[in-house]
Amino acid sequence: MKYAHMIAFILLIVGGVAWGIYGLLGTDLIYSILGESLSRIVYILVGVAAVYEVVTHKGRCKECAGQM
């Protein structure tokens, strides 16, 4: 499960940076690099990664484990 967490974390970073660039510059960086079909897949994977992190966060986070 460590690898799933690492992949999810990387996808969340990619998604966050892409949204930041979109917000600042109005450019969809992922779409510009990968095109329509692949960018859609990347954004779906980012969404799945976010859901995975929400579901597994409590058990992994030392800061939040006692609070949630």
N, C-alpha and C. Protein backbone atom coordinates (compact mmCIF):
# COMPACT_ATOMS: atom_id res chain seq x y z
N MET A 1 0.82 -1.20 0.00
CA MET A 1 0.00 0.00 0.00
C MET A 1 0.86 1.26 0.00
N LYS A 2 2.13 1.11 0.38
CA LYS A 2 3.01 2.27 0.37
C LYS A 2 3.14 2.82 -1.05
N TYR A 3 3.24 1.92 -2.04
CA TYR A 3 3.37 2.38 -3.42
C TYR A 3 2.10 3.07 -3.91
N ALA A 4 0.95 2.58 -3.49
CA ALA A 4 -0.31 3.23 -3.87
C ALA A 4 -0.35 4.65 -3.31
N HIS A 5 0.11 4.81 -2.07
CA HIS A 5 0.14 6.13 -1.45
C HIS A 5 1.10 7.05 -2.21
N MET A 6 2.26 6.54 -2.57
CA MET A 6 3.25 7.35 -3.30
C MET A 6 2.71 7.78 -4.67
N ILE A 7 2.07 6.87 -5.38
CA ILE A 7 1.50 7.19 -6.69
C ILE A 7 0.39 8.22 -6.53
N ALA A 8 -0.47 8.02 -5.53
CA ALA A 8 -1.56 8.97 -5.29
C ALA A 8 -1.00 10.34 -4.94
N PHE A 9 0.03 10.38 -4.13
CA PHE A 9 0.64 11.65 -3.74
C PHE A 9 1.21 12.38 -4.96
N ILE A 10 1.91 11.66 -5.81
CA ILE A 10 2.48 12.26 -7.03
C ILE A 10 1.37 12.79 -7.94
N LEU A 11 0.30 12.01 -8.09
CA LEU A 11 -0.82 12.46 -8.92
C LEU A 11 -1.47 13.72 -8.34
N LEU A 12 -1.56 13.80 -7.02
CA LEU A 12 -2.14 14.99 -6.40
C LEU A 12 -1.25 16.21 -6.61
N ILE A 13 0.05 16.02 -6.58
CA ILE A 13 0.97 17.12 -6.85
C ILE A 13 0.81 17.59 -8.31
N VAL A 14 0.78 16.64 -9.23
CA VAL A 14 0.61 16.98 -10.65
C VAL A 14 -0.71 17.73 -10.85
N GLY A 15 -1.78 17.22 -10.26
CA GLY A 15 -3.08 17.88 -10.39
C GLY A 15 -3.10 19.26 -9.77
N GLY A 16 -2.48 19.39 -8.60
CA GLY A 16 -2.43 20.69 -7.93
C GLY A 16 -1.65 21.72 -8.72
N VAL A 17 -0.51 21.32 -9.26
CA VAL A 17 0.29 22.23 -10.08
C VAL A 17 -0.47 22.61 -11.35
N ALA A 18 -1.11 21.64 -11.96
CA ALA A 18 -1.89 21.92 -13.19
C ALA A 18 -3.01 22.91 -12.90
N TRP A 19 -3.73 22.73 -11.79
CA TRP A 19 -4.81 23.65 -11.44
C TRP A 19 -4.26 25.03 -11.09
N GLY A 20 -3.11 25.08 -10.43
CA GLY A 20 -2.48 26.37 -10.12
C GLY A 20 -2.10 27.13 -11.38
N ILE A 21 -1.51 26.43 -12.34
CA ILE A 21 -1.14 27.06 -13.61
C ILE A 21 -2.39 27.50 -14.36
N TYR A 22 -3.43 26.67 -14.31
CA TYR A 22 -4.68 27.05 -14.97
C TYR A 22 -5.28 28.30 -14.33
N GLY A 23 -5.24 28.36 -13.00
CA GLY A 23 -5.77 29.52 -12.30
C GLY A 23 -4.98 30.79 -12.57
N LEU A 24 -3.67 30.67 -12.64
CA LEU A 24 -2.83 31.84 -12.85
C LEU A 24 -2.77 32.28 -14.31
N LEU A 25 -2.64 31.33 -15.20
CA LEU A 25 -2.38 31.66 -16.61
C LEU A 25 -3.54 31.33 -17.55
N GLY A 26 -4.51 30.55 -17.07
CA GLY A 26 -5.62 30.15 -17.93
C GLY A 26 -5.23 29.10 -18.95
N THR A 27 -4.13 28.39 -18.70
CA THR A 27 -3.64 27.36 -19.62
C THR A 27 -3.74 26.00 -18.97
N ASP A 28 -4.36 25.06 -19.65
CA ASP A 28 -4.42 23.69 -19.15
C ASP A 28 -3.15 22.98 -19.60
N LEU A 29 -2.18 22.92 -18.70
CA LEU A 29 -0.87 22.38 -19.02
C LEU A 29 -0.93 20.92 -19.43
N ILE A 30 -1.73 20.12 -18.73
CA ILE A 30 -1.84 18.69 -19.03
C ILE A 30 -2.43 18.50 -20.43
N TYR A 31 -3.46 19.25 -20.75
CA TYR A 31 -4.06 19.18 -22.09
C TYR A 31 -3.06 19.61 -23.16
N SER A 32 -2.31 20.66 -22.87
CA SER A 32 -1.33 21.15 -23.84
C SER A 32 -0.25 20.12 -24.13
N ILE A 33 0.14 19.35 -23.12
CA ILE A 33 1.21 18.37 -23.28
C ILE A 33 0.68 17.06 -23.86
N LEU A 34 -0.45 16.58 -23.34
CA LEU A 34 -0.92 15.23 -23.66
C LEU A 34 -2.06 15.15 -24.66
N GLY A 35 -2.76 16.24 -24.88
CA GLY A 35 -3.92 16.19 -25.76
C GLY A 35 -5.18 15.82 -24.99
N GLU A 36 -6.29 15.76 -25.71
CA GLU A 36 -7.60 15.60 -25.06
C GLU A 36 -7.77 14.25 -24.35
N SER A 37 -7.52 13.17 -25.03
CA SER A 37 -7.79 11.84 -24.46
C SER A 37 -6.92 11.54 -23.25
N LEU A 38 -5.62 11.75 -23.39
CA LEU A 38 -4.72 11.43 -22.28
C LEU A 38 -4.89 12.39 -21.11
N SER A 39 -5.18 13.66 -21.38
CA SER A 39 -5.38 14.60 -20.28
C SER A 39 -6.61 14.22 -19.48
N ARG A 40 -7.61 13.72 -20.15
CA ARG A 40 -8.83 13.26 -19.46
C ARG A 40 -8.52 12.10 -18.53
N ILE A 41 -7.69 11.18 -19.01
CA ILE A 41 -7.29 10.03 -18.19
C ILE A 41 -6.49 10.50 -16.98
N VAL A 42 -5.57 11.45 -17.20
CA VAL A 42 -4.77 11.97 -16.08
C VAL A 42 -5.68 12.61 -15.04
N TYR A 43 -6.64 13.42 -15.47
CA TYR A 43 -7.53 14.07 -14.51
C TYR A 43 -8.43 13.06 -13.79
N ILE A 44 -8.82 12.00 -14.44
CA ILE A 44 -9.58 10.94 -13.77
C ILE A 44 -8.70 10.28 -12.72
N LEU A 45 -7.45 10.00 -13.06
CA LEU A 45 -6.52 9.39 -12.10
C LEU A 45 -6.26 10.32 -10.91
N VAL A 46 -6.17 11.61 -11.15
CA VAL A 46 -6.00 12.58 -10.06
C VAL A 46 -7.21 12.54 -9.14
N GLY A 47 -8.40 12.46 -9.70
CA GLY A 47 -9.62 12.36 -8.89
C GLY A 47 -9.66 11.09 -8.07
N VAL A 48 -9.29 9.98 -8.67
CA VAL A 48 -9.23 8.70 -7.95
C VAL A 48 -8.19 8.78 -6.83
N ALA A 49 -7.05 9.40 -7.11
CA ALA A 49 -6.01 9.56 -6.10
C ALA A 49 -6.51 10.39 -4.92
N ALA A 50 -7.27 11.44 -5.20
CA ALA A 50 -7.82 12.27 -4.14
C ALA A 50 -8.78 11.48 -3.25
N VAL A 51 -9.65 10.70 -3.87
CA VAL A 51 -10.59 9.87 -3.10
C VAL A 51 -9.82 8.86 -2.27
N TYR A 52 -8.81 8.23 -2.85
CA TYR A 52 -7.98 7.26 -2.13
C TYR A 52 -7.33 7.91 -0.91
N GLU A 53 -6.77 9.09 -1.07
CA GLU A 53 -6.11 9.77 0.04
C GLU A 53 -7.12 10.17 1.13
N VAL A 54 -8.31 10.59 0.74
CA VAL A 54 -9.33 10.94 1.73
C VAL A 54 -9.72 9.71 2.55
N VAL A 55 -9.89 8.58 1.88
CA VAL A 55 -10.33 7.36 2.55
C VAL A 55 -9.23 6.80 3.46
N THR A 56 -7.98 6.87 3.04
CA THR A 56 -6.89 6.25 3.80
C THR A 56 -6.12 7.22 4.68
N HIS A 57 -6.48 8.48 4.67
CA HIS A 57 -5.71 9.51 5.38
C HIS A 57 -5.59 9.25 6.88
N LYS A 58 -6.68 8.93 7.51
CA LYS A 58 -6.69 8.79 8.97
C LYS A 58 -5.67 7.75 9.45
N GLY A 59 -5.59 6.65 8.77
CA GLY A 59 -4.67 5.60 9.18
C GLY A 59 -3.21 5.90 8.90
N ARG A 60 -2.94 6.84 8.01
CA ARG A 60 -1.56 7.13 7.61
C ARG A 60 -0.98 8.37 8.28
N CYS A 61 -1.80 9.33 8.61
CA CYS A 61 -1.31 10.63 9.09
C CYS A 61 -1.09 10.59 10.60
N LYS A 62 0.14 10.77 11.01
CA LYS A 62 0.47 10.78 12.44
C LYS A 62 -0.14 11.99 13.13
N GLU A 63 -0.26 13.09 12.43
CA GLU A 63 -0.82 14.32 13.00
C GLU A 63 -2.32 14.19 13.26
N CYS A 64 -3.04 13.55 12.34
CA CYS A 64 -4.49 13.50 12.40
C CYS A 64 -5.05 12.24 13.05
N ALA A 65 -4.24 11.23 13.26
CA ALA A 65 -4.74 9.93 13.73
C ALA A 65 -5.53 10.05 15.02
N GLY A 66 -5.12 10.89 15.93
CA GLY A 66 -5.82 11.02 17.20
C GLY A 66 -6.95 12.02 17.16
N GLN A 67 -7.07 12.80 16.10
CA GLN A 67 -8.05 13.87 16.04
C GLN A 67 -9.30 13.53 15.25
N MET A 68 -9.22 12.60 14.31
CA MET A 68 -10.35 12.34 13.43
C MET A 68 -11.24 11.26 13.97
